[in-house]
Amino acid sequence: MKVLPPTLRDPKRYLALELICEVRVSRDDFLNEIFSNSAALIGDFGSSQAGIRLLDFDDNMGILRCKRGSEDLTRAVLATITIVGGYPAIVNVLGIAGTVRSATEKYIEKRDPYSVPNDKHI
């Protein structure tokens, strides 16, 4: 099969996120919570339409990919996550970007754990 040219692919958005939890959480535990809450909130069809994928997750920070137009659904799914790996947790979306590189540079690399996030992009 031929690969689709970029003009025919679905546009994507990348959410930089922070998981606030008492302990470090494994990628698998976080991924299970994302997919179980996604299925509970928007169903299987909505989950496939949103195209949610966890690209990177390390040290309770990560990059999540979704299709353009489903950013609000994805944020709603993340807001429903309250327990990860048996510990209480909160998911904080740091920002949304059009590329992985810009999401990483804007929201993850320059993140100071003691600073208040700038909410002008949200």
Foldseek 3Di string as FASTA:
>chain_A
DDDDPPVPDFFKKKWKKAKDWPDDADPVQVVVLLVVLLCVPVRPVVCVQQVWDWDDADPRIGMIMTTPPCPVVSVVSQQPDQDTPRTGIHMDTLAMDRDPVCNCVPGPPPDDPPDDRDPPRD
